Amino acid sequence: MTSSFKIAGAITALALAVPLAGCATAEPADDGRVTLQVAIDAGLDDGAIAAFEERAAQFEKQNPDITIESVEYTWDGTTFAAALAGGTLPDVFTIPFTDGRGLIANEQLADISKLVAELPYAGDFNQNVAVAGQAADGSQWAVPIAAYGQGLHYNRTLFEQAGLDPDQPPTTWDEVRADAKQIADATGVAGYAQMTSSNTGGWILTTLDYALGGRLEQVDGDEVTSTIDTPEMTKVLEMVKTMRWEDNSMGANFLYDWGSINQAFASGQIGMYVSGGGNYGNLFTQNQMNPDDYGLTVLPLADSADAGVLGGGTLAVVSANATEAEQAAGVKWIDFYYMQKLADEDAAVTAAKTTAESGAPVGAPEMPIFDEATYAESQRWIADYVNVPLAQMTSFTDHIFEQPLLPEPGHHTQEVYAILDPVIQAVLTDQNADIAELLADAEQQAQQILAG
């Protein structure tokens, strides 16, 4: 196949350290053509790259004045700010929901709201999802392309090796603890592991805190108060400490981030871990997980009216450095690549067929961008092309819509997550770690940020 699609180099730490050496925003050619740099996940397997390339060729055929050039990119909380400031990001890239409102308020993204408003589904977004990409006046600067509710991922093969039934995953945290110990004792690998670095330690601690009925912040008008130091968060850390030091069920690596824990889980080094429910695609395309090993269930929730599952998602955005022509091209790409497969049957079928033919996964569960009924309809459109083990995910798909979905903390989210990383690291690496002292100190730090 001939296509003008090509893969640019990955954004490396060296590039981040030398801002001027990054990707410059392409200028429209004299003939009116636009070369648009778009994000592609780093580390994709050949099938996923082929699917992306085919989709890019389809887009270029529909838009002969736009050339797609991909740049490997994976959002990372520790490097993103430097990449943004240094101009090393592509014209179209993705960010988590937690970053949207802050970047919009600081005008660090292009205001594409007028272009987005012209899209046929612009008024149909689930408002709880859309708000993450809106400015204070309600204009949509960023497009929600994926949403998730956290889930408990587990390795079915390790469950079987430990004498556990993979069709009966744990439904309480006591069962998670017991199953983790049984896996560790029987197999020698970590029965349960947890992210701890690159802000993901705070993300997962917040997830577990929510599951027990806690919250990280209390909002009263314009006043935001940190509520890290609570009985719920204390219980979370005591549970993890017990699993680590008494049960010895958490292995020996205590510096996982999102990418490294996915890799370890996919290679059979972890029995269970918590992450976004739609994580199967990454595990398969970037970490070559055996589909037969995979299982997914909902998070256990405490018997509390306040307990719920943390939800979040991904926004597609356009660089503030993009020209007007590039902004227009960028919204066309976002519409074509991310959105049409959710809102249009023909586009959904084309995308699913192309992806399935490449061997990349189709049909992994996600939360609805629009509403549950629209999501269910889109799943029916692509039913003939679904190639993921949905039967091994029914404990999640049958129950996720029953769980209260709670948004991530809305103020200085990544900064507060970063404060919590060393808290979980200390609990996992120091048997004498003082949980009360750690939480009191973290709350003081967080309050200073929230007050500032």
Protein backbone atom coordinates (compact mmCIF):
# COMPACT_ATOMS: atom_id res chain seq x y z
CA MET A 1 0.00 0.00 0.00
CA THR A 2 1.26 3.44 -0.87
CA SER A 3 0.60 6.22 1.59
CA SER A 4 2.15 9.46 2.71
CA PHE A 5 1.73 8.22 6.31
CA LYS A 6 5.02 7.87 8.15
CA ILE A 7 6.19 7.46 11.72
CA ALA A 8 8.29 10.23 13.21
CA GLY A 9 10.70 9.51 16.05
CA ALA A 10 9.46 8.97 19.59
CA ILE A 11 9.56 11.83 22.08
CA THR A 12 12.56 10.92 24.18
CA ALA A 13 13.95 12.27 27.40
CA LEU A 14 16.77 13.86 25.42
CA ALA A 15 14.30 15.70 23.22
CA LEU A 16 12.51 16.97 26.28
CA ALA A 17 15.76 18.26 27.71
CA VAL A 18 16.47 20.24 24.56
CA PRO A 19 13.17 21.99 23.73
CA LEU A 20 14.32 23.47 20.44
CA ALA A 21 15.21 20.02 19.14
CA GLY A 22 11.58 18.84 19.26
CA CYS A 23 8.95 18.54 16.57
CA ALA A 24 8.19 21.87 14.99
CA THR A 25 4.64 22.55 13.95
CA ALA A 26 4.42 22.10 10.20
CA GLU A 27 3.40 25.06 8.10
CA PRO A 28 0.89 24.66 5.27
CA ALA A 29 2.58 24.22 1.94
CA ASP A 30 2.33 26.89 -0.73
CA ASP A 31 -0.12 24.72 -2.67
CA GLY A 32 -2.58 24.77 0.22
CA ARG A 33 -1.67 21.33 1.53
CA VAL A 34 -1.30 20.79 5.27
CA THR A 35 1.05 18.32 6.90
CA LEU A 36 -0.57 17.36 10.17
CA GLN A 37 1.40 15.70 12.94
CA VAL A 38 -0.80 13.35 14.97
CA ALA A 39 -0.11 11.20 18.02
CA ILE A 40 0.27 7.44 17.81
CA ASP A 41 0.83 5.32 20.90
CA ALA A 42 4.46 4.40 21.44
CA GLY A 43 5.43 0.73 21.24
CA LEU A 44 2.55 -0.59 19.13
CA ASP A 45 2.94 -4.00 17.52
CA ASP A 46 3.04 -4.38 13.74
CA GLY A 47 -0.67 -5.12 13.44
CA ALA A 48 -1.71 -2.01 15.33
CA ILE A 49 0.68 0.14 13.29
CA ALA A 50 -0.72 -1.36 10.09
CA ALA A 51 -4.25 -0.54 11.22
CA PHE A 52 -3.24 3.03 12.00
CA GLU A 53 -1.53 3.35 8.64
CA GLU A 54 -4.59 2.08 6.82
CA ARG A 55 -6.84 4.51 8.69
CA ALA A 56 -4.44 7.35 7.86
CA ALA A 57 -4.56 6.39 4.18
CA GLN A 58 -8.36 6.37 4.28
CA PHE A 59 -8.32 9.83 5.82
CA GLU A 60 -5.90 11.18 3.22
CA LYS A 61 -8.08 9.79 0.44
CA GLN A 62 -11.05 11.71 1.86
CA ASN A 63 -8.91 14.81 2.49
CA PRO A 64 -6.35 15.00 -0.35
CA ASP A 65 -5.07 18.37 0.89
CA ILE A 66 -3.93 16.90 4.24
CA THR A 67 -0.89 14.69 4.80
CA ILE A 68 -0.79 12.69 8.02
CA GLU A 69 2.53 12.36 9.81
CA SER A 70 2.49 10.36 13.04
CA VAL A 71 4.61 11.01 16.11
CA GLU A 72 5.00 8.36 18.80
CA TYR A 73 3.56 9.76 21.99
CA THR A 74 2.33 8.46 25.33
CA TRP A 75 1.20 10.93 27.98
CA ASP A 76 3.41 10.85 31.07
CA GLY A 77 2.78 13.02 34.10
CA THR A 78 6.47 13.57 34.79
CA THR A 79 7.44 14.72 31.28
CA PHE A 80 4.32 16.22 29.73
CA ALA A 81 4.77 19.76 31.05
CA ALA A 82 8.29 19.97 29.64
CA ALA A 83 7.16 18.61 26.28
CA LEU A 84 4.31 21.12 26.16
CA ALA A 85 6.54 24.05 27.07
CA GLY A 86 9.26 22.90 24.69
CA GLY A 87 6.99 22.55 21.68
CA THR A 88 7.86 18.87 21.15
CA LEU A 89 4.27 17.63 20.96
CA PRO A 90 2.47 16.85 17.68
CA ASP A 91 -0.32 19.06 16.32
CA VAL A 92 -2.95 16.62 17.61
CA PHE A 93 -2.30 14.74 20.83
CA THR A 94 -4.17 13.30 23.79
CA ILE A 95 -4.33 14.22 27.47
CA PRO A 96 -6.17 12.81 30.49
CA PHE A 97 -9.39 14.41 31.68
CA THR A 98 -7.53 15.77 34.72
CA ASP A 99 -5.38 18.06 32.56
CA GLY A 100 -8.09 19.53 30.35
CA ARG A 101 -9.55 22.40 32.33
CA GLY A 102 -6.21 23.67 33.60
CA LEU A 103 -4.59 23.73 30.16
CA ILE A 104 -7.67 25.40 28.69
CA ALA A 105 -7.75 28.07 31.41
CA ASN A 106 -4.07 28.80 30.75
CA GLU A 107 -4.69 28.88 26.97
CA GLN A 108 -2.04 26.20 26.44
CA LEU A 109 -4.25 24.47 23.87
CA ALA A 110 -5.80 25.73 20.66
CA ASP A 111 -9.36 27.04 20.98
CA ILE A 112 -11.07 24.71 18.52
CA SER A 113 -14.50 25.20 20.10
CA LYS A 114 -16.09 26.81 17.01
CA LEU A 115 -14.90 23.93 14.84
CA VAL A 116 -16.09 21.33 17.36
CA ALA A 117 -19.49 23.03 17.60
CA GLU A 118 -20.00 22.29 13.89
CA LEU A 119 -19.65 18.53 14.36
CA PRO A 120 -23.01 16.72 14.04
CA TYR A 121 -22.79 15.14 17.51
CA ALA A 122 -21.47 18.22 19.33
CA GLY A 123 -24.62 18.52 21.43
CA ASP A 124 -24.90 14.82 22.24
CA PHE A 125 -21.95 14.33 24.59
CA ASN A 126 -22.53 12.92 28.06
CA GLN A 127 -22.17 16.17 30.02
CA ASN A 128 -20.26 14.44 32.82
CA VAL A 129 -17.68 13.53 30.19
CA ALA A 130 -17.76 16.68 28.06
CA VAL A 131 -17.06 19.05 30.96
CA ALA A 132 -13.47 17.81 31.20
CA GLY A 133 -12.73 19.50 27.87
CA GLN A 134 -14.69 22.70 28.37
CA ALA A 135 -13.65 26.24 29.18
CA ALA A 136 -15.38 28.17 31.97
CA ASP A 137 -17.95 29.48 29.47
CA GLY A 138 -18.89 25.95 28.37
CA SER A 139 -17.14 26.07 25.00
CA GLN A 140 -15.61 22.72 23.97
CA TRP A 141 -11.85 23.21 23.50
CA ALA A 142 -11.03 19.50 23.80
CA VAL A 143 -12.92 16.47 22.50
CA PRO A 144 -13.58 13.51 24.82
CA ILE A 145 -12.61 10.39 22.88
CA ALA A 146 -12.59 7.68 25.56
CA ALA A 147 -13.85 7.26 29.09
CA TYR A 148 -13.20 4.57 31.64
CA GLY A 149 -14.18 3.24 35.02
CA GLN A 150 -11.41 1.60 37.00
CA GLY A 151 -11.37 -2.19 37.07
CA LEU A 152 -9.51 -5.09 38.63
CA HIS A 153 -7.47 -6.87 35.98
CA TYR A 154 -6.46 -10.44 36.74
CA ASN A 155 -4.49 -13.26 35.15
CA ARG A 156 -6.75 -16.27 34.64
CA THR A 157 -3.85 -18.66 34.16
CA LEU A 158 -2.27 -17.65 37.47
CA PHE A 159 -5.66 -18.06 39.14
CA GLU A 160 -5.87 -21.63 37.83
CA GLN A 161 -2.30 -22.40 38.87
CA ALA A 162 -3.16 -21.21 42.37
CA GLY A 163 -6.29 -23.37 42.56
CA LEU A 164 -8.66 -20.41 42.16
CA ASP A 165 -11.65 -20.28 39.81
CA PRO A 166 -10.96 -17.62 37.13
CA ASP A 167 -14.69 -17.32 36.52
CA GLN A 168 -15.20 -16.27 40.15
CA PRO A 169 -12.91 -13.26 40.66
CA PRO A 170 -12.84 -11.54 44.08
CA THR A 171 -15.77 -9.35 45.04
CA THR A 172 -14.41 -7.90 48.32
CA TRP A 173 -11.04 -6.51 49.33
CA ASP A 174 -10.68 -9.35 51.84
CA GLU A 175 -11.03 -11.75 48.92
CA VAL A 176 -8.49 -9.75 46.90
CA ARG A 177 -6.04 -10.13 49.79
CA ALA A 178 -6.71 -13.86 50.20
CA ASP A 179 -6.46 -14.56 46.46
CA ALA A 180 -3.26 -12.51 46.17
CA LYS A 181 -1.60 -14.54 48.92
CA GLN A 182 -2.75 -17.82 47.40
CA ILE A 183 -1.34 -16.81 44.00
CA ALA A 184 1.96 -15.65 45.48
CA ASP A 185 2.35 -18.80 47.59
CA ALA A 186 1.51 -21.12 44.70
CA THR A 187 3.33 -19.43 41.82
CA GLY A 188 6.07 -17.24 43.32
CA VAL A 189 4.90 -14.14 41.45
CA ALA A 190 3.16 -11.07 42.85
CA GLY A 191 -0.45 -11.93 43.62
CA TYR A 192 -1.33 -8.24 43.58
CA ALA A 193 0.71 -5.18 42.57
CA GLN A 194 0.13 -1.47 42.54
CA MET A 195 1.39 1.55 40.60
CA THR A 196 3.55 3.95 42.61
CA SER A 197 5.36 6.39 40.29
CA SER A 198 4.87 9.10 37.63
CA ASN A 199 1.74 10.28 39.49
CA THR A 200 0.10 6.86 39.05
CA GLY A 201 0.69 6.00 42.71
CA GLY A 202 -1.61 8.85 43.69
CA TRP A 203 -4.09 7.88 40.97
CA ILE A 204 -4.48 4.33 42.27
CA LEU A 205 -4.52 5.38 45.94
CA THR A 206 -7.35 7.74 45.04
CA THR A 207 -9.14 4.88 43.28
CA LEU A 208 -8.95 2.67 46.36
CA ASP A 209 -9.91 5.59 48.62
CA TYR A 210 -13.05 6.16 46.51
CA ALA A 211 -13.86 2.44 46.65
CA LEU A 212 -13.94 2.66 50.44
CA GLY A 213 -16.01 5.85 50.47
CA GLY A 214 -13.25 8.46 50.82
CA ARG A 215 -12.47 11.60 48.84
CA LEU A 216 -9.27 13.60 48.25
CA GLU A 217 -10.84 17.05 48.41
CA GLN A 218 -13.84 18.92 49.74
CA VAL A 219 -15.17 21.83 47.69
CA ASP A 220 -17.23 24.65 49.19
CA GLY A 221 -17.70 27.40 46.63
CA ASP A 222 -14.24 28.67 45.74
CA GLU A 223 -12.64 27.03 48.78
CA VAL A 224 -11.00 23.64 48.27
CA THR A 225 -9.80 21.64 51.27
CA SER A 226 -7.53 18.61 51.12
CA THR A 227 -9.05 15.49 52.70
CA ILE A 228 -6.22 13.01 52.21
CA ASP A 229 -5.76 12.21 55.89
CA THR A 230 -8.96 10.25 56.51
CA PRO A 231 -9.99 6.86 57.98
CA GLU A 232 -10.66 5.59 54.44
CA MET A 233 -7.18 6.42 53.14
CA THR A 234 -5.64 5.06 56.33
CA LYS A 235 -7.51 1.79 55.77
CA VAL A 236 -6.25 1.63 52.17
CA LEU A 237 -2.63 1.99 53.25
CA GLU A 238 -3.00 -0.45 56.13
CA MET A 239 -4.45 -3.03 53.73
CA VAL A 240 -1.58 -2.59 51.28
CA LYS A 241 0.96 -2.67 54.11
CA THR A 242 -0.47 -5.94 55.39
CA MET A 243 -0.40 -7.53 51.94
CA ARG A 244 3.20 -6.38 51.46
CA TRP A 245 4.76 -7.20 54.82
CA GLU A 246 2.57 -9.90 56.40
CA ASP A 247 1.32 -11.78 53.36
CA ASN A 248 4.37 -11.16 51.13
CA SER A 249 1.98 -11.19 48.19
CA MET A 250 3.07 -8.05 46.31
CA GLY A 251 6.34 -9.15 44.75
CA ALA A 252 9.57 -7.17 44.78
CA ASN A 253 9.03 -4.28 42.33
CA PHE A 254 7.59 -1.23 44.03
CA LEU A 255 8.28 1.41 41.37
CA TYR A 256 5.68 0.58 38.76
CA ASP A 257 4.09 3.21 36.56
CA TRP A 258 1.33 2.64 34.02
CA GLY A 259 3.58 1.35 31.25
CA SER A 260 5.76 -0.91 33.37
CA ILE A 261 2.91 -2.51 35.32
CA ASN A 262 1.12 -3.28 32.04
CA GLN A 263 4.27 -4.96 30.78
CA ALA A 264 4.73 -6.98 33.96
CA PHE A 265 1.09 -8.06 34.04
CA ALA A 266 1.05 -9.06 30.38
CA SER A 267 4.16 -11.20 30.89
CA GLY A 268 2.61 -13.14 33.77
CA GLN A 269 4.51 -11.50 36.63
CA ILE A 270 1.38 -10.14 38.39
CA GLY A 271 -1.84 -11.84 39.37
CA MET A 272 -4.03 -8.75 39.86
CA TYR A 273 -3.78 -4.97 39.56
CA VAL A 274 -6.05 -1.94 39.32
CA SER A 275 -6.23 0.24 36.20
CA GLY A 276 -8.73 1.59 33.67
CA GLY A 277 -11.29 -0.96 32.56
CA GLY A 278 -10.50 -0.39 28.88
CA ASN A 279 -6.85 -1.35 29.21
CA TYR A 280 -6.98 -4.54 27.16
CA GLY A 281 -5.92 -2.82 23.94
CA ASN A 282 -2.63 -1.65 25.43
CA LEU A 283 -1.95 -5.01 27.04
CA PHE A 284 -2.45 -6.77 23.71
CA THR A 285 -0.98 -4.37 21.14
CA GLN A 286 1.93 -2.99 23.13
CA ASN A 287 2.69 -5.81 25.54
CA GLN A 288 1.65 -8.92 23.59
CA MET A 289 -0.55 -10.37 26.30
CA ASN A 290 -2.00 -13.82 25.63
CA PRO A 291 -5.78 -13.26 25.41
CA ASP A 292 -6.38 -16.58 27.19
CA ASP A 293 -4.66 -15.19 30.29
CA TYR A 294 -6.83 -12.09 30.61
CA GLY A 295 -9.66 -11.45 33.03
CA LEU A 296 -11.43 -8.27 34.13
CA THR A 297 -13.86 -7.55 36.94
CA VAL A 298 -15.27 -4.51 38.71
CA LEU A 299 -13.60 -3.06 41.78
CA PRO A 300 -14.93 -4.22 45.13
CA LEU A 301 -16.82 -1.35 46.80
CA ALA A 302 -17.29 -0.87 50.52
CA ASP A 303 -20.78 -1.00 51.98
CA SER A 304 -20.99 2.78 52.08
CA ALA A 305 -23.26 5.28 50.38
CA ASP A 306 -20.15 7.26 49.43
CA ALA A 307 -18.26 4.36 47.83
CA GLY A 308 -17.81 4.49 44.07
CA VAL A 309 -15.49 3.74 41.19
CA LEU A 310 -13.11 6.40 39.94
CA GLY A 311 -13.77 7.32 36.34
CA GLY A 312 -11.77 9.38 33.92
CA GLY A 313 -10.86 9.45 30.30
CA THR A 314 -8.92 10.88 27.40
CA LEU A 315 -9.27 14.15 25.51
CA ALA A 316 -8.04 14.82 22.00
CA VAL A 317 -6.62 18.32 21.65
CA VAL A 318 -4.83 20.54 19.17
CA SER A 319 -1.56 22.31 19.92
CA ALA A 320 -1.71 26.00 20.72
CA ASN A 321 1.09 26.41 18.16
CA ALA A 322 -1.06 25.08 15.30
CA THR A 323 -2.04 27.46 12.51
CA GLU A 324 -5.70 27.97 11.61
CA ALA A 325 -5.33 25.54 8.73
CA GLU A 326 -3.74 22.96 11.01
CA GLN A 327 -6.46 23.44 13.61
CA ALA A 328 -9.13 22.79 10.99
CA ALA A 329 -7.24 19.73 9.77
CA GLY A 330 -6.76 18.60 13.35
CA VAL A 331 -10.48 18.65 14.10
CA LYS A 332 -11.14 16.73 10.89
CA TRP A 333 -8.64 14.08 12.07
CA ILE A 334 -10.16 13.90 15.56
CA ASP A 335 -13.60 13.50 14.02
CA PHE A 336 -12.45 10.84 11.55
CA TYR A 337 -10.06 8.80 13.68
CA TYR A 338 -11.60 8.95 17.12
CA MET A 339 -15.23 9.99 16.91
CA GLN A 340 -16.97 8.73 13.77
CA LYS A 341 -16.59 5.12 14.86
CA LEU A 342 -18.64 6.01 17.96
CA ALA A 343 -21.40 7.96 16.22
CA ASP A 344 -21.76 6.68 12.64
CA GLU A 345 -22.51 3.08 11.67
CA ASP A 346 -20.63 3.06 8.36
CA ALA A 347 -17.57 4.63 9.95
CA ALA A 348 -17.77 2.24 12.89
CA VAL A 349 -17.90 -0.80 10.62
CA THR A 350 -15.06 0.47 8.43
CA ALA A 351 -12.85 1.18 11.44
CA ALA A 352 -13.65 -2.17 13.07
CA LYS A 353 -13.08 -4.13 9.85
CA THR A 354 -9.77 -2.39 9.18
CA THR A 355 -8.59 -2.91 12.74
CA ALA A 356 -9.68 -6.54 12.90
CA GLU A 357 -8.02 -7.38 9.58
CA SER A 358 -4.74 -6.08 10.99
CA GLY A 359 -5.06 -8.34 14.04
CA ALA A 360 -5.49 -5.44 16.45
CA PRO A 361 -8.23 -5.69 19.11
CA VAL A 362 -11.80 -4.61 18.47
CA GLY A 363 -14.54 -4.35 21.08
CA ALA A 364 -12.73 -3.91 24.40
CA PRO A 365 -15.17 -2.40 26.95
CA GLU A 366 -15.25 1.36 27.45
CA MET A 367 -17.53 3.81 29.20
CA PRO A 368 -19.90 5.74 26.89
CA ILE A 369 -18.85 9.12 25.52
CA PHE A 370 -22.44 9.90 24.60
CA ASP A 371 -24.90 7.73 26.55
CA GLU A 372 -25.24 4.05 27.40
CA ALA A 373 -27.83 3.42 24.69
CA THR A 374 -25.62 4.96 21.97
CA TYR A 375 -22.68 2.91 23.23
CA ALA A 376 -24.74 -0.30 23.12
CA GLU A 377 -25.82 0.52 19.56
CA SER A 378 -22.22 1.12 18.46
CA GLN A 379 -21.27 -2.25 19.93
CA ARG A 380 -23.99 -3.92 17.85
CA TRP A 381 -22.63 -2.25 14.71
CA ILE A 382 -19.22 -3.86 15.16
CA ALA A 383 -20.33 -7.19 16.63
CA ASP A 384 -19.10 -9.18 13.60
CA TYR A 385 -15.56 -7.84 14.09
CA VAL A 386 -15.15 -8.12 17.86
CA ASN A 387 -12.03 -10.18 18.53
CA VAL A 388 -11.39 -9.64 22.23
CA PRO A 389 -12.31 -12.22 24.91
CA LEU A 390 -15.47 -10.50 26.12
CA ALA A 391 -16.63 -13.68 27.85
CA GLN A 392 -13.66 -13.22 30.19
CA MET A 393 -14.74 -9.68 31.03
CA THR A 394 -18.41 -10.21 31.92
CA SER A 395 -17.76 -9.64 35.63
CA PHE A 396 -16.89 -6.10 34.54
CA THR A 397 -19.27 -5.45 31.66
CA ASP A 398 -22.30 -6.84 33.52
CA HIS A 399 -21.78 -4.63 36.57
CA ILE A 400 -19.79 -1.48 35.72
CA PHE A 401 -22.93 0.54 34.94
CA GLU A 402 -24.32 -0.41 38.36
CA GLN A 403 -21.41 1.23 40.17
CA PRO A 404 -21.48 4.95 41.03
CA LEU A 405 -18.95 6.62 38.72
CA LEU A 406 -17.00 9.35 40.50
CA PRO A 407 -14.84 11.96 38.74
CA GLU A 408 -11.21 12.42 39.64
CA PRO A 409 -10.38 15.26 42.03
CA GLY A 410 -10.86 18.46 40.08
CA HIS A 411 -8.16 20.77 41.50
CA HIS A 412 -4.41 20.44 40.89
CA THR A 413 -5.05 16.76 40.31
CA GLN A 414 -1.69 15.67 38.96
CA GLU A 415 0.19 17.70 41.56
CA VAL A 416 -1.75 16.04 44.37
CA TYR A 417 -1.22 12.63 42.80
CA ALA A 418 2.51 13.36 42.74
CA ILE A 419 2.43 14.09 46.48
CA LEU A 420 0.92 10.66 47.10
CA ASP A 421 3.50 8.71 45.06
CA PRO A 422 6.13 8.75 47.84
CA VAL A 423 3.45 7.82 50.39
CA ILE A 424 2.68 4.50 48.74
CA GLN A 425 6.36 3.94 47.97
CA ALA A 426 7.23 4.39 51.65
CA VAL A 427 4.57 1.94 52.80
CA LEU A 428 5.80 -0.69 50.35
CA THR A 429 9.53 -0.27 51.03
CA ASP A 430 9.70 0.54 54.76
CA GLN A 431 8.10 -1.93 57.16
CA ASN A 432 8.16 0.72 59.88
CA ALA A 433 6.55 3.45 57.77
CA ASP A 434 4.27 5.61 59.91
CA ILE A 435 1.03 5.85 57.95
CA ALA A 436 -0.44 8.57 60.15
CA GLU A 437 2.65 10.74 59.74
CA LEU A 438 2.82 10.14 56.01
CA LEU A 439 -0.81 11.14 55.50
CA ALA A 440 -0.61 14.20 57.73
CA ASP A 441 2.41 15.44 55.81
CA ALA A 442 0.80 14.70 52.42
CA GLU A 443 -2.35 16.57 53.41
CA GLN A 444 -0.33 19.60 54.49
CA GLN A 445 1.53 19.65 51.16
CA ALA A 446 -1.69 19.23 49.20
CA GLN A 447 -3.43 22.01 51.12
CA GLN A 448 -0.60 24.40 50.33
CA ILE A 449 -1.05 23.67 46.62
CA LEU A 450 -4.84 23.93 46.76
CA ALA A 451 -4.71 27.17 48.73
CA GLY A 452 -2.10 28.64 46.38
